[in-house]
Amino acid sequence: MSLTVNNYKAWCSVTVGSNGASVADAQTVCVPSGTVNLTATALTGFELGKAPWHDVTTSSGGSATLKVSGSSACAWVCCPFTGGAGCPTTDQCK
């Protein structure tokens, strides 16, 4: 199945499953059905914030899991400016 992970404005370094970390604003990877691990690290000048992950099954800081099934899925992450500002309130997967 196809999993798209949007990295808002590329403010994080994002790892999807066992793939290498990426600073791209979006990654689309082929993953098997089941649970996929996601991790994010804030880039210089940004922070993880309290809840950086969205549209995921579980999250804790920079780590999240997403239970995927069907043909496609999407999740997104935002690492705001230091101090917490800058992330959108609208769903970046819609």
PDB file of N, CA and C in Angstrom:
ATOM      1  N   MET A   1       0.823  -1.178   0.000  1.00  0.00           N
ATOM      2  CA  MET A   1       0.000   0.000   0.000  1.00  0.00           C
ATOM      3  C   MET A   1       0.868   1.243   0.000  1.00  0.00           C
ATOM      4  N   SER A   2       0.314   2.329  -0.404  1.00  0.00           N
ATOM      5  CA  SER A   2       1.033   3.598  -0.523  1.00  0.00           C
ATOM      6  C   SER A   2       0.772   4.465   0.711  1.00  0.00           C
ATOM      7  N   LEU A   3       1.831   4.866   1.397  1.00  0.00           N
ATOM      8  CA  LEU A   3       1.737   5.740   2.567  1.00  0.00           C
ATOM      9  C   LEU A   3       2.418   7.061   2.254  1.00  0.00           C
ATOM     10  N   THR A   4       1.679   8.147   2.387  1.00  0.00           N
ATOM     11  CA  THR A   4       2.239   9.482   2.217  1.00  0.00           C
ATOM     12  C   THR A   4       2.394  10.119   3.586  1.00  0.00           C
ATOM     13  N   VAL A   5       3.580  10.640   3.853  1.00  0.00           N
ATOM     14  CA  VAL A   5       3.842  11.363   5.098  1.00  0.00           C
ATOM     15  C   VAL A   5       4.241  12.779   4.717  1.00  0.00           C
ATOM     16  N   ASN A   6       3.398  13.730   5.092  1.00  0.00           N
ATOM     17  CA  ASN A   6       3.659  15.142   4.816  1.00  0.00           C
ATOM     18  C   ASN A   6       4.421  15.753   5.984  1.00  0.00           C
ATOM     19  N   ASN A   7       5.499  16.424   5.677  1.00  0.00           N
ATOM     20  CA  ASN A   7       6.374  17.076   6.645  1.00  0.00           C
ATOM     21  C   ASN A   7       6.190  18.577   6.428  1.00  0.00           C
ATOM     22  N   TYR A   8       5.315  19.200   7.223  1.00  0.00           N
ATOM     23  CA  TYR A   8       4.925  20.583   6.987  1.00  0.00           C
ATOM     24  C   TYR A   8       6.133  21.509   6.860  1.00  0.00           C
ATOM     25  N   LYS A   9       6.246  22.124   5.698  1.00  0.00           N
ATOM     26  CA  LYS A   9       7.313  23.068   5.350  1.00  0.00           C
ATOM     27  C   LYS A   9       8.722  22.485   5.533  1.00  0.00           C
ATOM     28  N   ALA A  10       8.808  21.140   5.646  1.00  0.00           N
ATOM     29  CA  ALA A  10      10.101  20.444   5.806  1.00  0.00           C
ATOM     30  C   ALA A  10      10.870  20.946   7.026  1.00  0.00           C
ATOM     31  N   TRP A  11      10.146  21.123   8.139  1.00  0.00           N
ATOM     32  CA  TRP A  11      10.761  21.612   9.381  1.00  0.00           C
ATOM     33  C   TRP A  11      11.259  20.473  10.270  1.00  0.00           C
ATOM     34  N   CYS A  12      11.028  19.221   9.844  1.00  0.00           N
ATOM     35  CA  CYS A  12      11.459  18.046  10.608  1.00  0.00           C
ATOM     36  C   CYS A  12      12.294  17.132   9.712  1.00  0.00           C
ATOM     37  N   SER A  13      13.025  16.266  10.347  1.00  0.00           N
ATOM     38  CA  SER A  13      13.630  15.129   9.674  1.00  0.00           C
ATOM     39  C   SER A  13      12.729  13.948  10.014  1.00  0.00           C
ATOM     40  N   VAL A  14      12.239  13.231   9.003  1.00  0.00           N
ATOM     41  CA  VAL A  14      11.212  12.206   9.203  1.00  0.00           C
ATOM     42  C   VAL A  14      11.703  10.843   8.727  1.00  0.00           C
ATOM     43  N   THR A  15      11.474   9.825   9.542  1.00  0.00           N
ATOM     44  CA  THR A  15      11.780   8.448   9.185  1.00  0.00           C
ATOM     45  C   THR A  15      10.481   7.667   9.122  1.00  0.00           C
ATOM     46  N   VAL A  16      10.271   6.943   8.027  1.00  0.00           N
ATOM     47  CA  VAL A  16       9.097   6.098   7.840  1.00  0.00           C
ATOM     48  C   VAL A  16       9.560   4.653   7.853  1.00  0.00           C
ATOM     49  N   GLY A  17       9.108   3.898   8.849  1.00  0.00           N
ATOM     50  CA  GLY A  17       9.504   2.495   8.960  1.00  0.00           C
ATOM     51  C   GLY A  17      11.012   2.355   9.066  1.00  0.00           C
ATOM     52  N   SER A  18      11.584   1.472   8.256  1.00  0.00           N
ATOM     53  CA  SER A  18      13.032   1.237   8.294  1.00  0.00           C
ATOM     54  C   SER A  18      13.777   2.052   7.242  1.00  0.00           C
ATOM     55  N   ASN A  19      13.075   2.959   6.550  1.00  0.00           N
ATOM     56  CA  ASN A  19      13.711   3.811   5.547  1.00  0.00           C
ATOM     57  C   ASN A  19      14.596   4.845   6.237  1.00  0.00           C
ATOM     58  N   GLY A  20      15.499   5.427   5.507  1.00  0.00           N
ATOM     59  CA  GLY A  20      16.365   6.468   6.042  1.00  0.00           C
ATOM     60  C   GLY A  20      15.595   7.756   6.312  1.00  0.00           C
ATOM     61  N   ALA A  21      16.151   8.597   7.161  1.00  0.00           N
ATOM     62  CA  ALA A  21      15.530   9.881   7.480  1.00  0.00           C
ATOM     63  C   ALA A  21      15.532  10.786   6.255  1.00  0.00           C
ATOM     64  N   SER A  22      14.483  11.623   6.166  1.00  0.00           N
ATOM     65  CA  SER A  22      14.344  12.536   5.040  1.00  0.00           C
ATOM     66  C   SER A  22      13.867  13.892   5.539  1.00  0.00           C
ATOM     67  N   VAL A  23      14.353  14.954   4.888  1.00  0.00           N
ATOM     68  CA  VAL A  23      13.871  16.311   5.188  1.00  0.00           C
ATOM     69  C   VAL A  23      12.961  16.819   4.069  1.00  0.00           C
ATOM     70  N   ALA A  24      12.507  15.927   3.193  1.00  0.00           N
ATOM     71  CA  ALA A  24      11.579  16.313   2.122  1.00  0.00           C
ATOM     72  C   ALA A  24      10.249  16.766   2.726  1.00  0.00           C
ATOM     73  N   ASP A  25       9.529  17.624   1.990  1.00  0.00           N
ATOM     74  CA  ASP A  25       8.236  18.069   2.508  1.00  0.00           C
ATOM     75  C   ASP A  25       7.164  16.980   2.404  1.00  0.00           C
ATOM     76  N   ALA A  26       7.402  15.945   1.618  1.00  0.00           N
ATOM     77  CA  ALA A  26       6.491  14.800   1.535  1.00  0.00           C
ATOM     78  C   ALA A  26       7.259  13.568   1.093  1.00  0.00           C
ATOM     79  N   GLN A  27       6.877  12.434   1.645  1.00  0.00           N
ATOM     80  CA  GLN A  27       7.430  11.150   1.240  1.00  0.00           C
ATOM     81  C   GLN A  27       6.260  10.227   0.933  1.00  0.00           C
ATOM     82  N   THR A  28       6.336   9.491  -0.140  1.00  0.00           N
ATOM     83  CA  THR A  28       5.365   8.447  -0.417  1.00  0.00           C
ATOM     84  C   THR A  28       6.142   7.154  -0.539  1.00  0.00           C
ATOM     85  N   VAL A  29       5.812   6.213   0.337  1.00  0.00           N
ATOM     86  CA  VAL A  29       6.533   4.943   0.372  1.00  0.00           C
ATOM     87  C   VAL A  29       5.540   3.793   0.320  1.00  0.00           C
ATOM     88  N   CYS A  30       5.993   2.690  -0.190  1.00  0.00           N
ATOM     89  CA  CYS A  30       5.194   1.472  -0.239  1.00  0.00           C
ATOM     90  C   CYS A  30       5.440   0.706   1.059  1.00  0.00           C
ATOM     91  N   VAL A  31       4.373   0.406   1.793  1.00  0.00           N
ATOM     92  CA  VAL A  31       4.490  -0.298   3.069  1.00  0.00           C
ATOM     93  C   VAL A  31       3.488  -1.447   3.088  1.00  0.00           C
ATOM     94  N   PRO A  32       3.780  -2.510   3.844  1.00  0.00           N
ATOM     95  CA  PRO A  32       2.810  -3.590   3.980  1.00  0.00           C
ATOM     96  C   PRO A  32       1.682  -3.165   4.926  1.00  0.00           C
ATOM     97  N   SER A  33       0.523  -3.790   4.804  1.00  0.00           N
ATOM     98  CA  SER A  33      -0.557  -3.532   5.753  1.00  0.00           C
ATOM     99  C   SER A  33      -0.094  -3.883   7.154  1.00  0.00           C
ATOM    100  N   GLY A  34      -0.586  -3.145   8.127  1.00  0.00           N
ATOM    101  CA  GLY A  34      -0.199  -3.363   9.519  1.00  0.00           C
ATOM    102  C   GLY A  34       0.250  -2.059  10.141  1.00  0.00           C
ATOM    103  N   THR A  35       1.096  -2.159  11.135  1.00  0.00           N
ATOM    104  CA  THR A  35       1.554  -0.978  11.866  1.00  0.00           C
ATOM    105  C   THR A  35       2.882  -0.483  11.321  1.00  0.00           C
ATOM    106  N   VAL A  36       2.945   0.813  11.050  1.00  0.00           N
ATOM    107  CA  VAL A  36       4.163   1.448  10.545  1.00  0.00           C
ATOM    108  C   VAL A  36       4.659   2.416  11.617  1.00  0.00           C
ATOM    109  N   ASN A  37       5.956   2.338  11.914  1.00  0.00           N
ATOM    110  CA  ASN A  37       6.563   3.266  12.869  1.00  0.00           C
ATOM    111  C   ASN A  37       7.039   4.523  12.148  1.00  0.00           C
ATOM    112  N   LEU A  38       6.789   5.664  12.771  1.00  0.00           N
ATOM    113  CA  LEU A  38       7.194   6.962  12.239  1.00  0.00           C
ATOM    114  C   LEU A  38       7.976   7.704  13.314  1.00  0.00           C
ATOM    115  N   THR A  39       9.027   8.406  12.907  1.00  0.00           N
ATOM    116  CA  THR A  39       9.759   9.239  13.862  1.00  0.00           C
ATOM    117  C   THR A  39      10.078  10.581  13.223  1.00  0.00           C
ATOM    118  N   ALA A  40      10.129  11.591  14.062  1.00  0.00           N
ATOM    119  CA  ALA A  40      10.474  12.934  13.600  1.00  0.00           C
ATOM    120  C   ALA A  40      11.473  13.551  14.566  1.00  0.00           C
ATOM    121  N   THR A  41      12.393  14.299  14.010  1.00  0.00           N
ATOM    122  CA  THR A  41      13.362  15.071  14.781  1.00  0.00           C
ATOM    123  C   THR A  41      13.298  16.493  14.251  1.00  0.00           C
ATOM    124  N   ALA A  42      13.172  17.449  15.151  1.00  0.00           N
ATOM    125  CA  ALA A  42      13.107  18.847  14.731  1.00  0.00           C
ATOM    126  C   ALA A  42      14.453  19.304  14.178  1.00  0.00           C
ATOM    127  N   LEU A  43      14.406  20.065  13.100  1.00  0.00           N
ATOM    128  CA  LEU A  43      15.621  20.646  12.539  1.00  0.00           C
ATOM    129  C   LEU A  43      16.002  21.887  13.341  1.00  0.00           C
ATOM    130  N   THR A  44      17.187  22.406  13.125  1.00  0.00           N
ATOM    131  CA  THR A  44      17.681  23.574  13.842  1.00  0.00           C
ATOM    132  C   THR A  44      16.711  24.742  13.688  1.00  0.00           C
ATOM    133  N   GLY A  45      16.366  25.375  14.814  1.00  0.00           N
ATOM    134  CA  GLY A  45      15.442  26.504  14.813  1.00  0.00           C
ATOM    135  C   GLY A  45      13.995  26.102  15.039  1.00  0.00           C
ATOM    136  N   PHE A  46      13.739  24.787  15.141  1.00  0.00           N
ATOM    137  CA  PHE A  46      12.390  24.278  15.336  1.00  0.00           C
ATOM    138  C   PHE A  46      12.381  23.338  16.534  1.00  0.00           C
ATOM    139  N   GLU A  47      11.169  22.917  16.973  1.00  0.00           N
ATOM    140  CA  GLU A  47      11.042  21.990  18.088  1.00  0.00           C
ATOM    141  C   GLU A  47       9.956  20.969  17.776  1.00  0.00           C
ATOM    142  N   LEU A  48       9.926  19.884  18.531  1.00  0.00           N
ATOM    143  CA  LEU A  48       8.897  18.870  18.308  1.00  0.00           C
ATOM    144  C   LEU A  48       7.522  19.349  18.763  1.00  0.00           C
ATOM    145  N   GLY A  49       7.451  20.143  19.790  1.00  0.00           N
ATOM    146  CA  GLY A  49       6.161  20.565  20.309  1.00  0.00           C
ATOM    147  C   GLY A  49       5.493  19.427  21.068  1.00  0.00           C
ATOM    148  N   LYS A  50       4.292  19.684  21.577  1.00  0.00           N
ATOM    149  CA  LYS A  50       3.593  18.700  22.412  1.00  0.00           C
ATOM    150  C   LYS A  50       2.978  17.565  21.606  1.00  0.00           C
ATOM    151  N   ALA A  51       2.497  17.853  20.423  1.00  0.00           N
ATOM    152  CA  ALA A  51       1.830  16.833  19.603  1.00  0.00           C
ATOM    153  C   ALA A  51       2.135  17.084  18.132  1.00  0.00           C
ATOM    154  N   PRO A  52       3.337  16.724  17.680  1.00  0.00           N
ATOM    155  CA  PRO A  52       3.717  17.029  16.304  1.00  0.00           C
ATOM    156  C   PRO A  52       3.025  16.175  15.251  1.00  0.00           C
ATOM    157  N   TRP A  53       2.574  14.951  15.601  1.00  0.00           N
ATOM    158  CA  TRP A  53       2.003  14.020  14.628  1.00  0.00           C
ATOM    159  C   TRP A  53       0.497  14.153  14.536  1.00  0.00           C
ATOM    160  N   HIS A  54      -0.033  13.980  13.315  1.00  0.00           N
ATOM    161  CA  HIS A  54      -1.473  14.067  13.060  1.00  0.00           C
ATOM    162  C   HIS A  54      -1.897  12.931  12.136  1.00  0.00           C
ATOM    163  N   ASP A  55      -3.126  12.484  12.285  1.00  0.00           N
ATOM    164  CA  ASP A  55      -3.691  11.395  11.481  1.00  0.00           C
ATOM    165  C   ASP A  55      -2.936  10.088  11.690  1.00  0.00           C
ATOM    166  N   VAL A  56      -2.489   9.854  12.933  1.00  0.00           N
ATOM    167  CA  VAL A  56      -1.778   8.622  13.281  1.00  0.00           C
ATOM    168  C   VAL A  56      -2.606   7.844  14.307  1.00  0.00           C
ATOM    169  N   THR A  57      -2.214   6.608  14.561  1.00  0.00           N
ATOM    170  CA  THR A  57      -2.915   5.773  15.526  1.00  0.00           C
ATOM    171  C   THR A  57      -2.497   6.123  16.950  1.00  0.00           C
ATOM    172  N   THR A  58      -1.179   6.213  17.200  1.00  0.00           N
ATOM    173  CA  THR A  58      -0.661   6.619  18.503  1.00  0.00           C
ATOM    174  C   THR A  58       0.533   7.542  18.285  1.00  0.00           C
ATOM    175  N   SER A  59       0.792   8.391  19.277  1.00  0.00           N
ATOM    176  CA  SER A  59       1.990   9.224  19.193  1.00  0.00           C
ATOM    177  C   SER A  59       2.467   9.589  20.583  1.00  0.00           C
ATOM    178  N   SER A  60       3.762   9.787  20.676  1.00  0.00           N
ATOM    179  CA  SER A  60       4.400  10.210  21.913  1.00  0.00           C
ATOM    180  C   SER A  60       5.652  10.980  21.523  1.00  0.00           C
ATOM    181  N   GLY A  61       5.591  12.288  21.613  1.00  0.00           N
ATOM    182  CA  GLY A  61       6.725  13.114  21.213  1.00  0.00           C
ATOM    183  C   GLY A  61       7.018  12.934  19.742  1.00  0.00           C
ATOM    184  N   GLY A  62       8.261  12.614  19.432  1.00  0.00           N
ATOM    185  CA  GLY A  62       8.666  12.475  18.048  1.00  0.00           C
ATOM    186  C   GLY A  62       8.343  11.139  17.417  1.00  0.00           C
ATOM    187  N   SER A  63       7.801  10.205  18.194  1.00  0.00           N
ATOM    188  CA  SER A  63       7.482   8.874  17.674  1.00  0.00           C
ATOM    189  C   SER A  63       5.984   8.709  17.496  1.00  0.00           C
ATOM    190  N   ALA A  64       5.608   7.953  16.482  1.00  0.00           N
ATOM    191  CA  ALA A  64       4.196   7.666  16.227  1.00  0.00           C
ATOM    192  C   ALA A  64       4.080   6.320  15.533  1.00  0.00           C
ATOM    193  N   THR A  65       2.887   5.754  15.607  1.00  0.00           N
ATOM    194  CA  THR A  65       2.574   4.561  14.834  1.00  0.00           C
ATOM    195  C   THR A  65       1.303   4.840  14.040  1.00  0.00           C
ATOM    196  N   LEU A  66       1.208   4.183  12.914  1.00  0.00           N
ATOM    197  CA  LEU A  66       0.038   4.312  12.062  1.00  0.00           C
ATOM    198  C   LEU A  66      -0.359   2.919  11.616  1.00  0.00           C
ATOM    199  N   LYS A  67      -1.590   2.531  11.910  1.00  0.00           N
ATOM    200  CA  LYS A  67      -2.098   1.246  11.443  1.00  0.00           C
ATOM    201  C   LYS A  67      -2.668   1.477  10.050  1.00  0.00           C
ATOM    202  N   VAL A  68      -2.102   0.791   9.066  1.00  0.00           N
ATOM    203  CA  VAL A  68      -2.485   1.010   7.675  1.00  0.00           C
ATOM    204  C   VAL A  68      -3.150  -0.234   7.095  1.00  0.00           C
ATOM    205  N   SER A  69      -4.124   0.018   6.227  1.00  0.00           N
ATOM    206  CA  SER A  69      -4.784  -1.055   5.480  1.00  0.00           C
ATOM    207  C   SER A  69      -5.407  -0.414   4.248  1.00  0.00           C
ATOM    208  N   GLY A  70      -5.797  -1.226   3.289  1.00  0.00           N
ATOM    209  CA  GLY A  70      -6.361  -0.686   2.062  1.00  0.00           C
ATOM    210  C   GLY A  70      -5.269  -0.336   1.076  1.00  0.00           C
ATOM    211  N   SER A  71      -5.550   0.621   0.200  1.00  0.00           N
ATOM    212  CA  SER A  71      -4.589   0.938  -0.852  1.00  0.00           C
ATOM    213  C   SER A  71      -3.720   2.156  -0.561  1.00  0.00           C
ATOM    214  N   SER A  72      -4.180   3.063   0.334  1.00  0.00           N
ATOM    215  CA  SER A  72      -3.365   4.246   0.623  1.00  0.00           C
ATOM    216  C   SER A  72      -3.698   4.810   2.000  1.00  0.00           C
ATOM    217  N   ALA A  73      -2.741   5.559   2.546  1.00  0.00           N
ATOM    218  CA  ALA A  73      -2.910   6.204   3.844  1.00  0.00           C
ATOM    219  C   ALA A  73      -2.068   7.472   3.860  1.00  0.00           C
ATOM    220  N   CYS A  74      -2.361   8.348   4.810  1.00  0.00           N
ATOM    221  CA  CYS A  74      -1.619   9.603   4.928  1.00  0.00           C
ATOM    222  C   CYS A  74      -1.512   9.989   6.394  1.00  0.00           C
ATOM    223  N   ALA A  75      -0.374  10.543   6.760  1.00  0.00           N
ATOM    224  CA  ALA A  75      -0.145  11.128   8.078  1.00  0.00           C
ATOM    225  C   ALA A  75       0.682  12.382   7.866  1.00  0.00           C
ATOM    226  N   TRP A  76       0.694  13.264   8.847  1.00  0.00           N
ATOM    227  CA  TRP A  76       1.532  14.454   8.714  1.00  0.00           C
ATOM    228  C   TRP A  76       2.102  14.864  10.049  1.00  0.00           C
ATOM    229  N   VAL A  77       3.199  15.612   9.955  1.00  0.00           N
ATOM    230  CA  VAL A  77       3.928  16.060  11.137  1.00  0.00           C
ATOM    231  C   VAL A  77       4.321  17.518  10.940  1.00  0.00           C
ATOM    232  N   CYS A  78       4.384  18.236  12.048  1.00  0.00           N
ATOM    233  CA  CYS A  78       4.851  19.628  12.000  1.00  0.00           C
ATOM    234  C   CYS A  78       5.728  19.889  13.216  1.00  0.00           C
ATOM    235  N   CYS A  79       6.926  20.370  12.978  1.00  0.00           N
ATOM    236  CA  CYS A  79       7.838  20.800  14.032  1.00  0.00           C
ATOM    237  C   CYS A  79       7.810  22.329  14.025  1.00  0.00           C
ATOM    238  N   PRO A  80       7.123  22.943  14.996  1.00  0.00           N
ATOM    239  CA  PRO A  80       6.963  24.397  14.974  1.00  0.00           C
ATOM    240  C   PRO A  80       8.259  25.130  15.294  1.00  0.00           C
ATOM    241  N   PHE A  81       8.191  26.453  15.105  1.00  0.00           N
ATOM    242  CA  PHE A  81       9.298  27.297  15.524  1.00  0.00           C
ATOM    243  C   PHE A  81       9.532  27.113  17.016  1.00  0.00           C
ATOM    244  N   THR A  82      10.744  27.355  17.488  1.00  0.00           N
ATOM    245  CA  THR A  82      11.004  27.331  18.916  1.00  0.00           C
ATOM    246  C   THR A  82      10.042  28.317  19.565  1.00  0.00           C
ATOM    247  N   GLY A  83       9.274  27.860  20.546  1.00  0.00           N
ATOM    248  CA  GLY A  83       8.234  28.679  21.147  1.00  0.00           C
ATOM    249  C   GLY A  83       6.845  28.200  20.760  1.00  0.00           C
ATOM    250  N   GLY A  84       6.765  27.320  19.757  1.00  0.00           N
ATOM    251  CA  GLY A  84       5.506  26.653  19.439  1.00  0.00           C
ATOM    252  C   GLY A  84       4.669  27.209  18.298  1.00  0.00           C
ATOM    253  N   ALA A  85       5.024  28.313  17.700  1.00  0.00           N
ATOM    254  CA  ALA A  85       4.185  28.885  16.643  1.00  0.00           C
ATOM    255  C   ALA A  85       4.547  28.331  15.272  1.00  0.00           C
ATOM    256  N   GLY A  86       3.592  28.433  14.347  1.00  0.00           N
ATOM    257  CA  GLY A  86       3.891  28.125  12.958  1.00  0.00           C
ATOM    258  C   GLY A  86       3.176  26.963  12.331  1.00  0.00           C
ATOM    259  N   CYS A  87       2.621  26.028  13.126  1.00  0.00           N
ATOM    260  CA  CYS A  87       1.962  24.864  12.534  1.00  0.00           C
ATOM    261  C   CYS A  87       0.518  25.193  12.157  1.00  0.00           C
ATOM    262  N   PRO A  88       0.030  24.585  11.073  1.00  0.00           N
ATOM    263  CA  PRO A  88      -1.341  24.835  10.630  1.00  0.00           C
ATOM    264  C   PRO A  88      -2.358  24.123  11.526  1.00  0.00           C
ATOM    265  N   THR A  89      -3.584  24.578  11.469  1.00  0.00           N
ATOM    266  CA  THR A  89      -4.673  23.914  12.191  1.00  0.00           C
ATOM    267  C   THR A  89      -5.513  23.059  11.253  1.00  0.00           C
ATOM    268  N   THR A  90      -5.277  23.184   9.958  1.00  0.00           N
ATOM    269  CA  THR A  90      -6.015  22.376   8.981  1.00  0.00           C
ATOM    270  C   THR A  90      -5.278  21.070   8.686  1.00  0.00           C
ATOM    271  N   ASP A  91      -6.024  20.036   8.394  1.00  0.00           N
ATOM    272  CA  ASP A  91      -5.464  18.719   8.118  1.00  0.00           C
ATOM    273  C   ASP A  91      -4.662  18.765   6.818  1.00  0.00           C
ATOM    274  N   GLN A  92      -3.398  18.399   6.883  1.00  0.00           N
ATOM    275  CA  GLN A  92      -2.508  18.444   5.725  1.00  0.00           C
ATOM    276  C   GLN A  92      -2.609  17.195   4.845  1.00  0.00           C
ATOM    277  N   CYS A  93      -3.508  16.280   5.200  1.00  0.00           N
ATOM    278  CA  CYS A  93      -3.741  15.092   4.379  1.00  0.00           C
ATOM    279  C   CYS A  93      -5.011  15.204   3.553  1.00  0.00           C
ATOM    280  N   LYS A  94      -5.751  16.237   3.693  1.00  0.00           N
ATOM    281  CA  LYS A  94      -7.020  16.404   2.960  1.00  0.00           C
ATOM    282  C   LYS A  94      -6.803  17.199   1.700  1.00  0.00           C
TER     283      LYS A  94
END
